C-alpha atoms as a PDB file:
ATOM      1  CA  HIS A   1     122.141  97.545 121.446  1.00  0.00           C
ATOM      2  CA  LEU A   2     119.132  97.404 123.157  1.00  0.00           C
ATOM      3  CA  LYS A   3     119.057  93.522 122.503  1.00  0.00           C
ATOM      4  CA  ILE A   4     119.736  91.374 125.161  1.00  0.00           C
ATOM      5  CA  LYS A   5     123.317  89.291 125.019  1.00  0.00           C
ATOM      6  CA  SER A   6     124.418  86.219 126.999  1.00  0.00           C
ATOM      7  CA  THR A   7     127.300  87.966 128.276  1.00  0.00           C
ATOM      8  CA  ASP A   8     125.299  90.798 130.065  1.00  0.00           C
ATOM      9  CA  ASN A   9     125.010  90.907 133.841  1.00  0.00           C
ATOM     10  CA  ASP A  10     122.175  90.958 135.547  1.00  0.00           C
ATOM     11  CA  LYS A  11     122.126  94.534 136.086  1.00  0.00           C
ATOM     12  CA  GLN A  12     122.747  95.229 132.334  1.00  0.00           C
ATOM     13  CA  LYS A  13     119.703  92.910 131.429  1.00  0.00           C
ATOM     14  CA  ASP A  14     117.029  94.322 134.010  1.00  0.00           C
ATOM     15  CA  LEU A  15     118.139  98.402 132.316  1.00  0.00           C
ATOM     16  CA  LYS A  16     117.427  96.368 129.106  1.00  0.00           C
ATOM     17  CA  LYS A  17     114.196  95.174 129.822  1.00  0.00           C
ATOM     18  CA  LYS A  18     112.898  98.540 131.641  1.00  0.00           C
ATOM     19  CA  LYS A  19     114.072 100.995 128.247  1.00  0.00           C
ATOM     20  CA  ILE A  20     112.156  98.304 125.946  1.00  0.00           C
ATOM     21  CA  LYS A  21     109.342  98.374 127.793  1.00  0.00           C
ATOM     22  CA  ALA A  22     109.525 101.821 128.115  1.00  0.00           C
ATOM     23  CA  ILE A  23     109.429 102.179 124.485  1.00  0.00           C
ATOM     24  CA  LYS A  24     107.058  99.955 123.513  1.00  0.00           C
ATOM     25  CA  SER A  25     104.847 101.264 126.436  1.00  0.00           C
ATOM     26  CA  LYS A  26     105.481 105.071 124.672  1.00  0.00           C
ATOM     27  CA  PHE A  27     104.414 103.302 121.158  1.00  0.00           C
ATOM     28  CA  ARG A  28     101.133 101.529 122.217  1.00  0.00           C
ATOM     29  CA  LYS A  29     100.170 104.946 123.862  1.00  0.00           C
ATOM     30  CA  ARG A  30     101.335 106.858 120.689  1.00  0.00           C
ATOM     31  CA  LYS A  31      99.146 104.661 118.736  1.00  0.00           C
ATOM     32  CA  ALA A  32      96.122 105.085 120.304  1.00  0.00           C
ATOM     33  CA  GLU A  33      96.354 108.464 120.849  1.00  0.00           C
ATOM     34  CA  MET A  34      96.640 108.220 116.905  1.00  0.00           C
ATOM     35  CA  VAL A  35      93.389 105.998 116.964  1.00  0.00           C
ATOM     36  CA  THR A  36      91.316 108.786 119.199  1.00  0.00           C
ATOM     37  CA  GLU A  37      92.492 111.515 116.563  1.00  0.00           C
ATOM     38  CA  LYS A  38      91.126 109.682 113.629  1.00  0.00           C
ATOM     39  CA  LYS A  39      87.755 108.652 115.245  1.00  0.00           C
ATOM     40  CA  LYS A  40      87.786 112.521 116.791  1.00  0.00           C
ATOM     41  CA  ASN A  41      88.107 113.579 113.118  1.00  0.00           C
ATOM     42  CA  ASN A  42      85.978 111.312 111.606  1.00  0.00           C
ATOM     43  CA  TRP A  43      83.493 112.615 113.878  1.00  0.00           C
ATOM     44  CA  LYS A  44      83.704 115.774 113.577  1.00  0.00           C
ATOM     45  CA  GLN A  45      83.440 115.314 109.798  1.00  0.00           C
ATOM     46  CA  PHE A  46      80.129 113.415 109.676  1.00  0.00           C
ATOM     47  CA  LEU A  47      78.738 116.314 111.801  1.00  0.00           C
ATOM     48  CA  ASN A  48      80.044 119.397 109.663  1.00  0.00           C
ATOM     49  CA  GLY A  49      77.926 117.114 106.673  1.00  0.00           C
ATOM     50  CA  GLY A  50      81.289 115.369 105.661  1.00  0.00           C
ATOM     51  CA  LYS A  51      81.488 115.497 101.393  1.00  0.00           C
ATOM     52  CA  LYS A  52      78.446 113.309 100.357  1.00  0.00           C
ATOM     53  CA  LYS A  53      76.529 116.221 100.862  1.00  0.00           C
ATOM     54  CA  LEU A  54      78.506 117.798  98.263  1.00  0.00           C
ATOM     55  CA  LYS A  55      78.303 114.881  96.057  1.00  0.00           C
ATOM     56  CA  ALA A  56      74.069 114.523  96.640  1.00  0.00           C
ATOM     57  CA  LEU A  57      74.295 118.381  95.548  1.00  0.00           C
ATOM     58  CA  LYS A  58      76.475 118.034  92.150  1.00  0.00           C
ATOM     59  CA  ASN A  59      74.592 114.692  90.534  1.00  0.00           C
ATOM     60  CA  LYS A  60      70.940 116.331  91.370  1.00  0.00           C
ATOM     61  CA  LYS A  61      68.842 114.499  88.719  1.00  0.00           C
ATOM     62  CA  ARG A  62      65.675 115.478  87.134  1.00  0.00           C
ATOM     63  CA  SER A  63      62.724 113.617  88.699  1.00  0.00           C
ATOM     64  CA  ILE A  64      60.896 111.248  85.687  1.00  0.00           C
ATOM     65  CA  PHE A  65      57.795 112.684  87.404  1.00  0.00           C
ATOM     66  CA  ALA A  66      58.506 116.221  86.737  1.00  0.00           C
ATOM     67  CA  SER A  67      56.315 118.195  84.125  1.00  0.00           C
ATOM     68  CA  PRO A  68      57.589 118.020  80.632  1.00  0.00           C
ATOM     69  CA  ASP A  69      59.478 120.309  78.875  1.00  0.00           C
ATOM     70  CA  SER A  70      57.238 120.699  76.192  1.00  0.00           C
ATOM     71  CA  VAL A  71      53.105 120.446  74.932  1.00  0.00           C
ATOM     72  CA  ASP A  72      54.028 117.230  73.906  1.00  0.00           C
ATOM     73  CA  GLY A  73      55.531 115.335  76.191  1.00  0.00           C
ATOM     74  CA  ARG A  74      54.068 112.607  78.670  1.00  0.00           C
ATOM     75  CA  VAL A  75      55.163 112.399  82.534  1.00  0.00           C
ATOM     76  CA  GLY A  76      57.110 109.603  83.463  1.00  0.00           C
ATOM     77  CA  VAL A  77      58.299 108.862  79.907  1.00  0.00           C
ATOM     78  CA  VAL A  78      62.273 109.744  79.968  1.00  0.00           C
ATOM     79  CA  GLY A  79      63.125 111.672  77.081  1.00  0.00           C
ATOM     80  CA  SER A  80      59.584 112.211  75.729  1.00  0.00           C
ATOM     81  CA  GLY A  81      59.147 115.616  74.138  1.00  0.00           C
ATOM     82  CA  LYS A  82      62.780 116.038  72.731  1.00  0.00           C
ATOM     83  CA  ALA A  83      63.466 115.156  69.195  1.00  0.00           C
ATOM     84  CA  MET A  84      65.749 112.408  68.008  1.00  0.00           C
ATOM     85  CA  THR A  85      68.961 113.076  67.260  1.00  0.00           C
ATOM     86  CA  ASN A  86      70.202 112.169  63.793  1.00  0.00           C
END
């Protein structure tokens, strides 16, 4: 009903233009608020450490320079000192 028709008089056209402008303005403001809120949440998540820290702790790998478990193992050789699988 806000579509401007050729049969509308000047007063109706002006009213419809104002309503359309108001709706578009509200939409732009709401969109800007959403963007701001999203950036704010991302920043808060970054400050709290986010999810990357948790992943890094879960996937902690053993250093190749760590001392081997057995006496026969060598430092820097991955899997040394362990028996071969059959």
